[in-house]
Amino acid sequence: MSVLFLFRVTGKSWVKMIKYILGLSFKFFAQAARLLLFSLDEKSRQKNQVSLILVFSKRKKN
């Protein structure tokens, strides 16, 4: 119901909304990739991977 309502109200601008959401997710993945790249030690790399997994699991639950 709400999706159809939004589609009728926004019209063509829903494409802009999708692009905006994709842009946000892309920025998040870019930050995650930078975290992994900047961690040179194996220990810190493992810690970053664990924290990334925690972030992803929290996002999936929400």
N, C-alpha and C. Protein backbone atom coordinates (compact mmCIF):
# COMPACT_ATOMS: atom_id res chain seq x y z
N MET A 1 0.83 -1.20 0.00
CA MET A 1 0.00 0.00 0.00
C MET A 1 0.88 1.26 0.00
N SER A 2 1.79 1.36 0.96
CA SER A 2 2.61 2.57 1.09
C SER A 2 3.52 2.73 -0.13
N VAL A 3 4.02 1.60 -0.68
CA VAL A 3 4.91 1.68 -1.83
C VAL A 3 4.15 2.24 -3.04
N LEU A 4 2.93 1.74 -3.26
CA LEU A 4 2.12 2.25 -4.36
C LEU A 4 1.79 3.73 -4.16
N PHE A 5 1.48 4.09 -2.92
CA PHE A 5 1.19 5.49 -2.61
C PHE A 5 2.39 6.37 -2.92
N LEU A 6 3.58 5.92 -2.46
CA LEU A 6 4.80 6.68 -2.74
C LEU A 6 5.03 6.78 -4.24
N PHE A 7 4.79 5.68 -4.96
CA PHE A 7 5.00 5.68 -6.40
C PHE A 7 4.10 6.70 -7.08
N ARG A 8 2.84 6.76 -6.65
CA ARG A 8 1.90 7.71 -7.25
C ARG A 8 2.28 9.15 -6.93
N VAL A 9 2.73 9.37 -5.68
CA VAL A 9 3.05 10.73 -5.26
C VAL A 9 4.33 11.22 -5.93
N THR A 10 5.36 10.39 -5.92
CA THR A 10 6.67 10.84 -6.39
C THR A 10 6.79 10.76 -7.91
N GLY A 11 6.11 9.80 -8.55
CA GLY A 11 6.19 9.69 -9.99
C GLY A 11 7.56 9.22 -10.43
N LYS A 12 8.23 10.05 -11.25
CA LYS A 12 9.52 9.65 -11.79
C LYS A 12 10.65 9.83 -10.78
N SER A 13 10.40 10.60 -9.73
CA SER A 13 11.48 10.87 -8.77
C SER A 13 11.83 9.64 -7.93
N TRP A 14 11.06 8.55 -8.05
CA TRP A 14 11.42 7.33 -7.30
C TRP A 14 12.74 6.78 -7.81
N VAL A 15 13.07 7.04 -9.07
CA VAL A 15 14.38 6.63 -9.60
C VAL A 15 15.49 7.36 -8.84
N LYS A 16 15.27 8.65 -8.58
CA LYS A 16 16.25 9.42 -7.82
C LYS A 16 16.40 8.85 -6.41
N MET A 17 15.28 8.44 -5.80
CA MET A 17 15.33 7.86 -4.46
C MET A 17 16.17 6.59 -4.45
N ILE A 18 15.93 5.72 -5.47
CA ILE A 18 16.69 4.47 -5.56
C ILE A 18 18.17 4.77 -5.74
N LYS A 19 18.49 5.73 -6.62
CA LYS A 19 19.89 6.08 -6.85
C LYS A 19 20.52 6.61 -5.56
N TYR A 20 19.75 7.39 -4.79
CA TYR A 20 20.25 7.94 -3.53
C TYR A 20 20.55 6.82 -2.54
N ILE A 21 19.62 5.84 -2.43
CA ILE A 21 19.82 4.71 -1.51
C ILE A 21 21.04 3.89 -1.94
N LEU A 22 21.17 3.65 -3.25
CA LEU A 22 22.33 2.91 -3.76
C LEU A 22 23.61 3.67 -3.47
N GLY A 23 23.56 4.98 -3.60
CA GLY A 23 24.74 5.80 -3.31
C GLY A 23 25.16 5.68 -1.86
N LEU A 24 24.18 5.68 -0.95
CA LEU A 24 24.49 5.53 0.48
C LEU A 24 25.13 4.18 0.76
N SER A 25 24.56 3.12 0.17
CA SER A 25 25.12 1.78 0.41
C SER A 25 26.53 1.69 -0.19
N PHE A 26 26.74 2.33 -1.35
CA PHE A 26 28.07 2.32 -1.97
C PHE A 26 29.09 3.01 -1.08
N LYS A 27 28.69 4.15 -0.49
CA LYS A 27 29.61 4.86 0.42
C LYS A 27 29.96 3.98 1.61
N PHE A 28 28.96 3.25 2.13
CA PHE A 28 29.21 2.37 3.27
C PHE A 28 30.22 1.28 2.90
N PHE A 29 30.03 0.66 1.71
CA PHE A 29 30.96 -0.39 1.28
C PHE A 29 32.35 0.18 1.04
N ALA A 30 32.43 1.40 0.53
CA ALA A 30 33.73 2.03 0.29
C ALA A 30 34.46 2.25 1.61
N GLN A 31 33.73 2.71 2.64
CA GLN A 31 34.34 2.90 3.96
C GLN A 31 34.82 1.57 4.52
N ALA A 32 34.02 0.52 4.35
CA ALA A 32 34.41 -0.80 4.84
C ALA A 32 35.66 -1.29 4.13
N ALA A 33 35.73 -1.07 2.82
CA ALA A 33 36.90 -1.49 2.05
C ALA A 33 38.14 -0.73 2.51
N ARG A 34 37.98 0.57 2.79
CA ARG A 34 39.12 1.36 3.27
C ARG A 34 39.61 0.84 4.61
N LEU A 35 38.69 0.47 5.49
CA LEU A 35 39.08 -0.09 6.78
C LEU A 35 39.95 -1.32 6.58
N LEU A 36 39.53 -2.21 5.66
CA LEU A 36 40.29 -3.43 5.43
C LEU A 36 41.65 -3.12 4.79
N LEU A 37 41.69 -2.13 3.89
CA LEU A 37 42.93 -1.81 3.20
C LEU A 37 43.95 -1.18 4.14
N PHE A 38 43.48 -0.31 5.05
CA PHE A 38 44.40 0.39 5.91
C PHE A 38 44.92 -0.48 7.06
N SER A 39 44.24 -1.61 7.32
CA SER A 39 44.73 -2.49 8.38
C SER A 39 45.81 -3.41 7.81
N LEU A 40 47.05 -3.16 8.15
CA LEU A 40 48.16 -3.89 7.57
C LEU A 40 48.46 -5.17 8.33
N ASP A 41 48.29 -5.13 9.66
CA ASP A 41 48.59 -6.32 10.45
C ASP A 41 47.47 -7.34 10.32
N GLU A 42 47.82 -8.62 10.43
CA GLU A 42 46.81 -9.68 10.36
C GLU A 42 45.81 -9.56 11.50
N LYS A 43 46.31 -9.24 12.70
CA LYS A 43 45.42 -9.15 13.87
C LYS A 43 44.39 -8.04 13.68
N SER A 44 44.86 -6.86 13.26
CA SER A 44 43.92 -5.75 13.08
C SER A 44 42.96 -6.04 11.93
N ARG A 45 43.46 -6.75 10.90
CA ARG A 45 42.59 -7.09 9.77
C ARG A 45 41.47 -8.03 10.24
N GLN A 46 41.83 -8.99 11.09
CA GLN A 46 40.82 -9.90 11.62
C GLN A 46 39.81 -9.15 12.49
N LYS A 47 40.30 -8.21 13.31
CA LYS A 47 39.38 -7.43 14.14
C LYS A 47 38.42 -6.62 13.28
N ASN A 48 38.95 -6.01 12.20
CA ASN A 48 38.09 -5.23 11.31
C ASN A 48 37.04 -6.11 10.65
N GLN A 49 37.44 -7.32 10.24
CA GLN A 49 36.48 -8.23 9.62
C GLN A 49 35.37 -8.60 10.61
N VAL A 50 35.75 -8.84 11.86
CA VAL A 50 34.76 -9.18 12.88
C VAL A 50 33.80 -8.00 13.08
N SER A 51 34.35 -6.79 13.17
CA SER A 51 33.49 -5.61 13.37
C SER A 51 32.58 -5.40 12.17
N LEU A 52 33.11 -5.66 10.95
CA LEU A 52 32.28 -5.52 9.75
C LEU A 52 31.14 -6.53 9.77
N ILE A 53 31.45 -7.77 10.17
CA ILE A 53 30.41 -8.80 10.25
C ILE A 53 29.34 -8.37 11.27
N LEU A 54 29.77 -7.80 12.40
CA LEU A 54 28.81 -7.33 13.41
C LEU A 54 27.93 -6.22 12.84
N VAL A 55 28.55 -5.30 12.09
CA VAL A 55 27.78 -4.20 11.49
C VAL A 55 26.76 -4.75 10.51
N PHE A 56 27.21 -5.70 9.65
CA PHE A 56 26.29 -6.25 8.66
C PHE A 56 25.14 -7.01 9.33
N SER A 57 25.45 -7.76 10.39
CA SER A 57 24.40 -8.53 11.06
C SER A 57 23.40 -7.57 11.73
N LYS A 58 23.90 -6.46 12.30
CA LYS A 58 23.00 -5.49 12.90
C LYS A 58 22.10 -4.86 11.84
N ARG A 59 22.68 -4.55 10.67
CA ARG A 59 21.90 -3.93 9.61
C ARG A 59 20.82 -4.89 9.10
N LYS A 60 21.17 -6.17 8.98
CA LYS A 60 20.19 -7.14 8.49
C LYS A 60 19.03 -7.30 9.46
N LYS A 61 19.32 -7.27 10.77
CA LYS A 61 18.26 -7.40 11.77
C LYS A 61 17.32 -6.20 11.70
N ASN A 62 17.89 -5.00 11.51
CA ASN A 62 17.05 -3.79 11.42
C ASN A 62 16.35 -3.78 10.09
